[in-house]
Amino acid sequence: ESEGKYFTTRNNSSLIVFKVPKNNIDGFNIA
């Protein structure tokens, strides 16, 4: 959903987390 906050894991040793902006998304700022 717009403005949602989510994360997923793999192998319970790696993780990716992200926030969905409200506006039209045109890129990812990844650390």
PDB file of all heavy atoms in Angstrom:
ATOM      1  N   GLU A   1       0.835  -1.194   0.000  1.00  0.00           N
ATOM      2  CA  GLU A   1       0.000   0.000   0.000  1.00  0.00           C
ATOM      3  C   GLU A   1       0.870   1.245   0.000  1.00  0.00           C
ATOM      4  O   GLU A   1       2.003   1.231   0.509  1.00  0.00           O
ATOM      5  CB  GLU A   1      -0.913   0.016   1.231  1.00  0.00           C
ATOM      6  CG  GLU A   1      -1.914  -1.127   1.279  1.00  0.00           C
ATOM      7  CD  GLU A   1      -2.789  -1.051   2.520  1.00  0.00           C
ATOM      8  OE1 GLU A   1      -2.588  -0.121   3.337  1.00  0.00           O
ATOM      9  OE2 GLU A   1      -3.671  -1.925   2.663  1.00  0.00           O
ATOM     10  N   SER A   2       0.343   2.318  -0.551  1.00  0.00           N
ATOM     11  CA  SER A   2       1.036   3.594  -0.504  1.00  0.00           C
ATOM     12  C   SER A   2       1.293   3.993   0.933  1.00  0.00           C
ATOM     13  O   SER A   2       0.420   3.843   1.801  1.00  0.00           O
ATOM     14  CB  SER A   2       0.181   4.663  -1.202  1.00  0.00           C
ATOM     15  OG  SER A   2       0.781   5.935  -1.094  1.00  0.00           O
ATOM     16  N   GLU A   3       2.510   4.438   1.218  1.00  0.00           N
ATOM     17  CA  GLU A   3       2.963   4.842   2.551  1.00  0.00           C
ATOM     18  C   GLU A   3       3.089   3.661   3.514  1.00  0.00           C
ATOM     19  O   GLU A   3       3.177   3.846   4.726  1.00  0.00           O
ATOM     20  CB  GLU A   3       2.067   5.926   3.144  1.00  0.00           C
ATOM     21  CG  GLU A   3       2.003   7.199   2.306  1.00  0.00           C
ATOM     22  CD  GLU A   3       1.171   8.285   2.938  1.00  0.00           C
ATOM     23  OE1 GLU A   3      -0.059   8.262   2.719  1.00  0.00           O
ATOM     24  OE2 GLU A   3       1.755   9.147   3.633  1.00  0.00           O
ATOM     25  N   GLY A   4       3.097   2.443   2.962  1.00  0.00           N
ATOM     26  CA  GLY A   4       3.302   1.271   3.798  1.00  0.00           C
ATOM     27  C   GLY A   4       4.777   1.076   4.127  1.00  0.00           C
ATOM     28  O   GLY A   4       5.667   1.590   3.440  1.00  0.00           O
ATOM     29  N   LYS A   5       5.038   0.312   5.190  1.00  0.00           N
ATOM     30  CA  LYS A   5       6.406   0.021   5.639  1.00  0.00           C
ATOM     31  C   LYS A   5       6.554  -1.492   5.759  1.00  0.00           C
ATOM     32  O   LYS A   5       5.775  -2.136   6.479  1.00  0.00           O
ATOM     33  CB  LYS A   5       6.687   0.708   6.979  1.00  0.00           C
ATOM     34  CG  LYS A   5       6.530   2.219   6.945  1.00  0.00           C
ATOM     35  CD  LYS A   5       6.944   2.890   8.245  1.00  0.00           C
ATOM     36  CE  LYS A   5       6.042   2.532   9.401  1.00  0.00           C
ATOM     37  NZ  LYS A   5       6.391   3.293  10.629  1.00  0.00           N
ATOM     38  N   TYR A   6       7.562  -2.051   5.093  1.00  0.00           N
ATOM     39  CA  TYR A   6       7.644  -3.499   4.965  1.00  0.00           C
ATOM     40  C   TYR A   6       9.089  -3.992   5.082  1.00  0.00           C
ATOM     41  O   TYR A   6      10.035  -3.246   4.836  1.00  0.00           O
ATOM     42  CB  TYR A   6       7.100  -3.926   3.589  1.00  0.00           C
ATOM     43  CG  TYR A   6       5.714  -3.435   3.296  1.00  0.00           C
ATOM     44  CD1 TYR A   6       5.520  -2.252   2.564  1.00  0.00           C
ATOM     45  CD2 TYR A   6       4.592  -4.128   3.739  1.00  0.00           C
ATOM     46  CE1 TYR A   6       4.240  -1.791   2.280  1.00  0.00           C
ATOM     47  CE2 TYR A   6       3.312  -3.665   3.468  1.00  0.00           C
ATOM     48  CZ  TYR A   6       3.139  -2.505   2.742  1.00  0.00           C
ATOM     49  OH  TYR A   6       1.877  -2.043   2.475  1.00  0.00           O
ATOM     50  N   PHE A   7       9.217  -5.280   5.434  1.00  0.00           N
ATOM     51  CA  PHE A   7      10.522  -5.938   5.366  1.00  0.00           C
ATOM     52  C   PHE A   7      10.329  -7.411   5.064  1.00  0.00           C
ATOM     53  O   PHE A   7       9.266  -7.988   5.297  1.00  0.00           O
ATOM     54  CB  PHE A   7      11.321  -5.739   6.655  1.00  0.00           C
ATOM     55  CG  PHE A   7      10.853  -6.559   7.834  1.00  0.00           C
ATOM     56  CD1 PHE A   7      11.453  -7.777   8.141  1.00  0.00           C
ATOM     57  CD2 PHE A   7       9.817  -6.110   8.648  1.00  0.00           C
ATOM     58  CE1 PHE A   7      11.023  -8.536   9.236  1.00  0.00           C
ATOM     59  CE2 PHE A   7       9.388  -6.846   9.746  1.00  0.00           C
ATOM     60  CZ  PHE A   7       9.993  -8.072  10.036  1.00  0.00           C
ATOM     61  N   THR A   8      11.379  -8.014   4.516  1.00  0.00           N
ATOM     62  CA  THR A   8      11.386  -9.446   4.257  1.00  0.00           C
ATOM     63  C   THR A   8      12.760  -9.994   4.612  1.00  0.00           C
ATOM     64  O   THR A   8      13.756  -9.256   4.598  1.00  0.00           O
ATOM     65  CB  THR A   8      11.039  -9.745   2.787  1.00  0.00           C
ATOM     66  OG1 THR A   8      10.879 -11.163   2.607  1.00  0.00           O
ATOM     67  CG2 THR A   8      12.128  -9.245   1.839  1.00  0.00           C
ATOM     68  N   THR A   9      12.819 -11.270   4.937  1.00  0.00           N
ATOM     69  CA  THR A   9      14.092 -11.907   5.293  1.00  0.00           C
ATOM     70  C   THR A   9      14.322 -13.122   4.403  1.00  0.00           C
ATOM     71  O   THR A   9      13.382 -13.688   3.829  1.00  0.00           O
ATOM     72  CB  THR A   9      14.128 -12.347   6.764  1.00  0.00           C
ATOM     73  OG1 THR A   9      13.148 -13.370   6.978  1.00  0.00           O
ATOM     74  CG2 THR A   9      13.866 -11.171   7.689  1.00  0.00           C
ATOM     75  N   ARG A  10      15.575 -13.499   4.298  1.00  0.00           N
ATOM     76  CA  ARG A  10      15.942 -14.742   3.614  1.00  0.00           C
ATOM     77  C   ARG A  10      16.965 -15.467   4.472  1.00  0.00           C
ATOM     78  O   ARG A  10      17.943 -14.865   4.913  1.00  0.00           O
ATOM     79  CB  ARG A  10      16.508 -14.460   2.219  1.00  0.00           C
ATOM     80  CG  ARG A  10      16.877 -15.717   1.440  1.00  0.00           C
ATOM     81  CD  ARG A  10      17.296 -15.422   0.017  1.00  0.00           C
ATOM     82  NE  ARG A  10      16.149 -15.062  -0.826  1.00  0.00           N
ATOM     83  CZ  ARG A  10      16.233 -14.850  -2.148  1.00  0.00           C
ATOM     84  NH1 ARG A  10      17.418 -14.959  -2.760  1.00  0.00           N
ATOM     85  NH2 ARG A  10      15.166 -14.527  -2.838  1.00  0.00           N
ATOM     86  N   ASN A  11      16.694 -16.728   4.730  1.00  0.00           N
ATOM     87  CA  ASN A  11      17.579 -17.581   5.528  1.00  0.00           C
ATOM     88  C   ASN A  11      17.660 -17.104   6.983  1.00  0.00           C
ATOM     89  O   ASN A  11      18.462 -17.592   7.760  1.00  0.00           O
ATOM     90  CB  ASN A  11      18.986 -17.628   4.913  1.00  0.00           C
ATOM     91  CG  ASN A  11      19.871 -18.687   5.537  1.00  0.00           C
ATOM     92  OD1 ASN A  11      19.485 -19.855   5.637  1.00  0.00           O
ATOM     93  ND2 ASN A  11      21.052 -18.294   5.987  1.00  0.00           N
ATOM     94  N   ASN A  12      16.827 -16.148   7.359  1.00  0.00           N
ATOM     95  CA  ASN A  12      16.897 -15.520   8.687  1.00  0.00           C
ATOM     96  C   ASN A  12      18.285 -14.985   9.011  1.00  0.00           C
ATOM     97  O   ASN A  12      18.646 -14.837  10.185  1.00  0.00           O
ATOM     98  CB  ASN A  12      16.430 -16.495   9.776  1.00  0.00           C
ATOM     99  CG  ASN A  12      14.936 -16.724   9.729  1.00  0.00           C
ATOM    100  OD1 ASN A  12      14.180 -15.867   9.281  1.00  0.00           O
ATOM    101  ND2 ASN A  12      14.494 -17.894  10.165  1.00  0.00           N
ATOM    102  N   SER A  13      19.046 -14.672   7.954  1.00  0.00           N
ATOM    103  CA  SER A  13      20.356 -14.051   8.152  1.00  0.00           C
ATOM    104  C   SER A  13      20.559 -12.848   7.238  1.00  0.00           C
ATOM    105  O   SER A  13      21.561 -12.148   7.367  1.00  0.00           O
ATOM    106  CB  SER A  13      21.481 -15.069   7.930  1.00  0.00           C
ATOM    107  OG  SER A  13      21.459 -15.576   6.603  1.00  0.00           O
ATOM    108  N   SER A  14      19.620 -12.618   6.307  1.00  0.00           N
ATOM    109  CA  SER A  14      19.620 -11.440   5.440  1.00  0.00           C
ATOM    110  C   SER A  14      18.245 -10.792   5.501  1.00  0.00           C
ATOM    111  O   SER A  14      17.237 -11.480   5.755  1.00  0.00           O
ATOM    112  CB  SER A  14      19.951 -11.818   3.995  1.00  0.00           C
ATOM    113  OG  SER A  14      21.268 -12.301   3.890  1.00  0.00           O
ATOM    114  N   LEU A  15      18.215  -9.489   5.242  1.00  0.00           N
ATOM    115  CA  LEU A  15      16.953  -8.750   5.392  1.00  0.00           C
ATOM    116  C   LEU A  15      16.940  -7.562   4.443  1.00  0.00           C
ATOM    117  O   LEU A  15      17.969  -6.912   4.231  1.00  0.00           O
ATOM    118  CB  LEU A  15      16.807  -8.281   6.848  1.00  0.00           C
ATOM    119  CG  LEU A  15      15.606  -7.420   7.243  1.00  0.00           C
ATOM    120  CD1 LEU A  15      15.181  -7.737   8.692  1.00  0.00           C
ATOM    121  CD2 LEU A  15      15.909  -5.934   7.124  1.00  0.00           C
ATOM    122  N   ILE A  16      15.775  -7.281   3.864  1.00  0.00           N
ATOM    123  CA  ILE A  16      15.563  -6.071   3.078  1.00  0.00           C
ATOM    124  C   ILE A  16      14.327  -5.367   3.609  1.00  0.00           C
ATOM    125  O   ILE A  16      13.279  -5.994   3.805  1.00  0.00           O
ATOM    126  CB  ILE A  16      15.415  -6.384   1.577  1.00  0.00           C
ATOM    127  CG1 ILE A  16      16.710  -6.990   1.029  1.00  0.00           C
ATOM    128  CG2 ILE A  16      15.041  -5.119   0.794  1.00  0.00           C
ATOM    129  CD1 ILE A  16      16.650  -7.376  -0.438  1.00  0.00           C
ATOM    130  N   VAL A  17      14.456  -4.067   3.868  1.00  0.00           N
ATOM    131  CA  VAL A  17      13.367  -3.272   4.442  1.00  0.00           C
ATOM    132  C   VAL A  17      13.184  -2.030   3.583  1.00  0.00           C
ATOM    133  O   VAL A  17      14.147  -1.465   3.063  1.00  0.00           O
ATOM    134  CB  VAL A  17      13.678  -2.908   5.915  1.00  0.00           C
ATOM    135  CG1 VAL A  17      15.019  -2.242   6.075  1.00  0.00           C
ATOM    136  CG2 VAL A  17      12.575  -2.028   6.502  1.00  0.00           C
ATOM    137  N   PHE A  18      11.922  -1.587   3.438  1.00  0.00           N
ATOM    138  CA  PHE A  18      11.656  -0.428   2.584  1.00  0.00           C
ATOM    139  C   PHE A  18      10.368   0.278   3.011  1.00  0.00           C
ATOM    140  O   PHE A  18       9.507  -0.313   3.681  1.00  0.00           O
ATOM    141  CB  PHE A  18      11.558  -0.850   1.111  1.00  0.00           C
ATOM    142  CG  PHE A  18      10.524  -1.907   0.824  1.00  0.00           C
ATOM    143  CD1 PHE A  18       9.234  -1.569   0.405  1.00  0.00           C
ATOM    144  CD2 PHE A  18      10.834  -3.257   0.955  1.00  0.00           C
ATOM    145  CE1 PHE A  18       8.287  -2.547   0.131  1.00  0.00           C
ATOM    146  CE2 PHE A  18       9.883  -4.245   0.688  1.00  0.00           C
ATOM    147  CZ  PHE A  18       8.610  -3.882   0.273  1.00  0.00           C
ATOM    148  N   LYS A  19      10.273   1.540   2.621  1.00  0.00           N
ATOM    149  CA  LYS A  19       9.071   2.347   2.814  1.00  0.00           C
ATOM    150  C   LYS A  19       8.533   2.740   1.445  1.00  0.00           C
ATOM    151  O   LYS A  19       9.299   3.109   0.554  1.00  0.00           O
ATOM    152  CB  LYS A  19       9.394   3.626   3.600  1.00  0.00           C
ATOM    153  CG  LYS A  19       9.903   3.430   5.009  1.00  0.00           C
ATOM    154  CD  LYS A  19      10.229   4.788   5.627  1.00  0.00           C
ATOM    155  CE  LYS A  19      10.753   4.669   7.044  1.00  0.00           C
ATOM    156  NZ  LYS A  19      11.100   5.987   7.627  1.00  0.00           N
ATOM    157  N   VAL A  20       7.212   2.678   1.276  1.00  0.00           N
ATOM    158  CA  VAL A  20       6.588   3.043   0.009  1.00  0.00           C
ATOM    159  C   VAL A  20       6.155   4.503   0.067  1.00  0.00           C
ATOM    160  O   VAL A  20       5.271   4.848   0.858  1.00  0.00           O
ATOM    161  CB  VAL A  20       5.369   2.146  -0.290  1.00  0.00           C
ATOM    162  CG1 VAL A  20       4.757   2.533  -1.640  1.00  0.00           C
ATOM    163  CG2 VAL A  20       5.768   0.672  -0.284  1.00  0.00           C
ATOM    164  N   PRO A  21       6.765   5.382  -0.732  1.00  0.00           N
ATOM    165  CA  PRO A  21       6.334   6.778  -0.739  1.00  0.00           C
ATOM    166  C   PRO A  21       4.914   6.934  -1.281  1.00  0.00           C
ATOM    167  O   PRO A  21       4.395   6.062  -1.989  1.00  0.00           O
ATOM    168  CB  PRO A  21       7.347   7.457  -1.666  1.00  0.00           C
ATOM    169  CG  PRO A  21       8.509   6.529  -1.735  1.00  0.00           C
ATOM    170  CD  PRO A  21       7.922   5.156  -1.594  1.00  0.00           C
ATOM    171  N   LYS A  22       4.311   8.058  -0.963  1.00  0.00           N
ATOM    172  CA  LYS A  22       2.947   8.338  -1.408  1.00  0.00           C
ATOM    173  C   LYS A  22       2.892   8.652  -2.889  1.00  0.00           C
ATOM    174  O   LYS A  22       1.897   8.371  -3.562  1.00  0.00           O
ATOM    175  CB  LYS A  22       2.388   9.516  -0.601  1.00  0.00           C
ATOM    176  CG  LYS A  22       0.949   9.892  -0.929  1.00  0.00           C
ATOM    177  CD  LYS A  22       0.484  11.037  -0.047  1.00  0.00           C
ATOM    178  CE  LYS A  22      -0.962  11.413  -0.354  1.00  0.00           C
ATOM    179  NZ  LYS A  22      -1.433  12.537   0.500  1.00  0.00           N
ATOM    180  N   ASN A  23       3.957   9.236  -3.426  1.00  0.00           N
ATOM    181  CA  ASN A  23       3.938   9.756  -4.782  1.00  0.00           C
ATOM    182  C   ASN A  23       4.424   8.738  -5.802  1.00  0.00           C
ATOM    183  O   ASN A  23       4.809   7.621  -5.455  1.00  0.00           O
ATOM    184  CB  ASN A  23       4.813  11.014  -4.848  1.00  0.00           C
ATOM    185  CG  ASN A  23       4.339  12.074  -3.880  1.00  0.00           C
ATOM    186  OD1 ASN A  23       3.343  12.730  -4.108  1.00  0.00           O
ATOM    187  ND2 ASN A  23       5.063  12.211  -2.770  1.00  0.00           N
ATOM    188  N   ASN A  24       4.395   9.148  -7.068  1.00  0.00           N
ATOM    189  CA  ASN A  24       4.887   8.308  -8.149  1.00  0.00           C
ATOM    190  C   ASN A  24       6.361   7.995  -7.933  1.00  0.00           C
ATOM    191  O   ASN A  24       7.194   8.895  -7.853  1.00  0.00           O
ATOM    192  CB  ASN A  24       4.689   9.024  -9.488  1.00  0.00           C
ATOM    193  CG  ASN A  24       5.126   8.170 -10.653  1.00  0.00           C
ATOM    194  OD1 ASN A  24       4.776   6.997 -10.727  1.00  0.00           O
ATOM    195  ND2 ASN A  24       5.888   8.758 -11.560  1.00  0.00           N
ATOM    196  N   ILE A  25       6.704   6.724  -7.846  1.00  0.00           N
ATOM    197  CA  ILE A  25       8.067   6.313  -7.522  1.00  0.00           C
ATOM    198  C   ILE A  25       8.894   6.211  -8.800  1.00  0.00           C
ATOM    199  O   ILE A  25       8.474   5.569  -9.765  1.00  0.00           O
ATOM    200  CB  ILE A  25       8.050   4.961  -6.783  1.00  0.00           C
ATOM    201  CG1 ILE A  25       7.238   5.081  -5.491  1.00  0.00           C
ATOM    202  CG2 ILE A  25       9.470   4.485  -6.492  1.00  0.00           C
ATOM    203  CD1 ILE A  25       6.786   3.759  -4.924  1.00  0.00           C
ATOM    204  N   ASP A  26      10.063   6.861  -8.800  1.00  0.00           N
ATOM    205  CA  ASP A  26      10.915   6.786  -9.983  1.00  0.00           C
ATOM    206  C   ASP A  26      12.333   6.321  -9.663  1.00  0.00           C
ATOM    207  O   ASP A  26      13.252   6.493 -10.459  1.00  0.00           O
ATOM    208  CB  ASP A  26      10.951   8.129 -10.723  1.00  0.00           C
ATOM    209  CG  ASP A  26      11.365   9.287  -9.828  1.00  0.00           C
ATOM    210  OD1 ASP A  26      11.979   9.040  -8.771  1.00  0.00           O
ATOM    211  OD2 ASP A  26      11.079  10.441 -10.188  1.00  0.00           O
ATOM    212  N   GLY A  27      12.547   5.714  -8.486  1.00  0.00           N
ATOM    213  CA  GLY A  27      13.865   5.190  -8.151  1.00  0.00           C
ATOM    214  C   GLY A  27      13.907   4.623  -6.752  1.00  0.00           C
ATOM    215  O   GLY A  27      12.944   4.748  -5.974  1.00  0.00           O
ATOM    216  N   PHE A  28      15.036   3.991  -6.430  1.00  0.00           N
ATOM    217  CA  PHE A  28      15.253   3.411  -5.100  1.00  0.00           C
ATOM    218  C   PHE A  28      16.541   3.991  -4.515  1.00  0.00           C
ATOM    219  O   PHE A  28      17.578   4.013  -5.181  1.00  0.00           O
ATOM    220  CB  PHE A  28      15.385   1.886  -5.187  1.00  0.00           C
ATOM    221  CG  PHE A  28      14.190   1.184  -5.756  1.00  0.00           C
ATOM    222  CD1 PHE A  28      14.086   0.954  -7.130  1.00  0.00           C
ATOM    223  CD2 PHE A  28      13.164   0.761  -4.935  1.00  0.00           C
ATOM    224  CE1 PHE A  28      12.987   0.307  -7.666  1.00  0.00           C
ATOM    225  CE2 PHE A  28      12.055   0.104  -5.465  1.00  0.00           C
ATOM    226  CZ  PHE A  28      11.965  -0.123  -6.833  1.00  0.00           C
ATOM    227  N   ASN A  29      16.474   4.471  -3.285  1.00  0.00           N
ATOM    228  CA  ASN A  29      17.667   4.877  -2.537  1.00  0.00           C
ATOM    229  C   ASN A  29      18.022   3.740  -1.596  1.00  0.00           C
ATOM    230  O   ASN A  29      17.364   3.546  -0.569  1.00  0.00           O
ATOM    231  CB  ASN A  29      17.410   6.168  -1.766  1.00  0.00           C
ATOM    232  CG  ASN A  29      17.390   7.390  -2.666  1.00  0.00           C
ATOM    233  OD1 ASN A  29      17.652   7.304  -3.854  1.00  0.00           O
ATOM    234  ND2 ASN A  29      17.066   8.549  -2.100  1.00  0.00           N
ATOM    235  N   ILE A  30      19.059   2.980  -1.931  1.00  0.00           N
ATOM    236  CA  ILE A  30      19.367   1.723  -1.240  1.00  0.00           C
ATOM    237  C   ILE A  30      20.667   1.844  -0.461  1.00  0.00           C
ATOM    238  O   ILE A  30      21.702   2.250  -1.001  1.00  0.00           O
ATOM    239  CB  ILE A  30      19.503   0.562  -2.253  1.00  0.00           C
ATOM    240  CG1 ILE A  30      18.295   0.496  -3.183  1.00  0.00           C
ATOM    241  CG2 ILE A  30      19.693  -0.765  -1.513  1.00  0.00           C
ATOM    242  CD1 ILE A  30      18.494  -0.432  -4.375  1.00  0.00           C
ATOM    243  N   ALA A  31      20.628   1.491   0.806  1.00  0.00           N
ATOM    244  CA  ALA A  31      21.832   1.317   1.616  1.00  0.00           C
ATOM    245  C   ALA A  31      22.039  -0.174   1.837  1.00  0.00           C
ATOM    246  O   ALA A  31      21.085  -0.894   2.161  1.00  0.00           O
ATOM    247  CB  ALA A  31      21.710   2.034   2.947  1.00  0.00           C
TER     248      ALA A  31
END
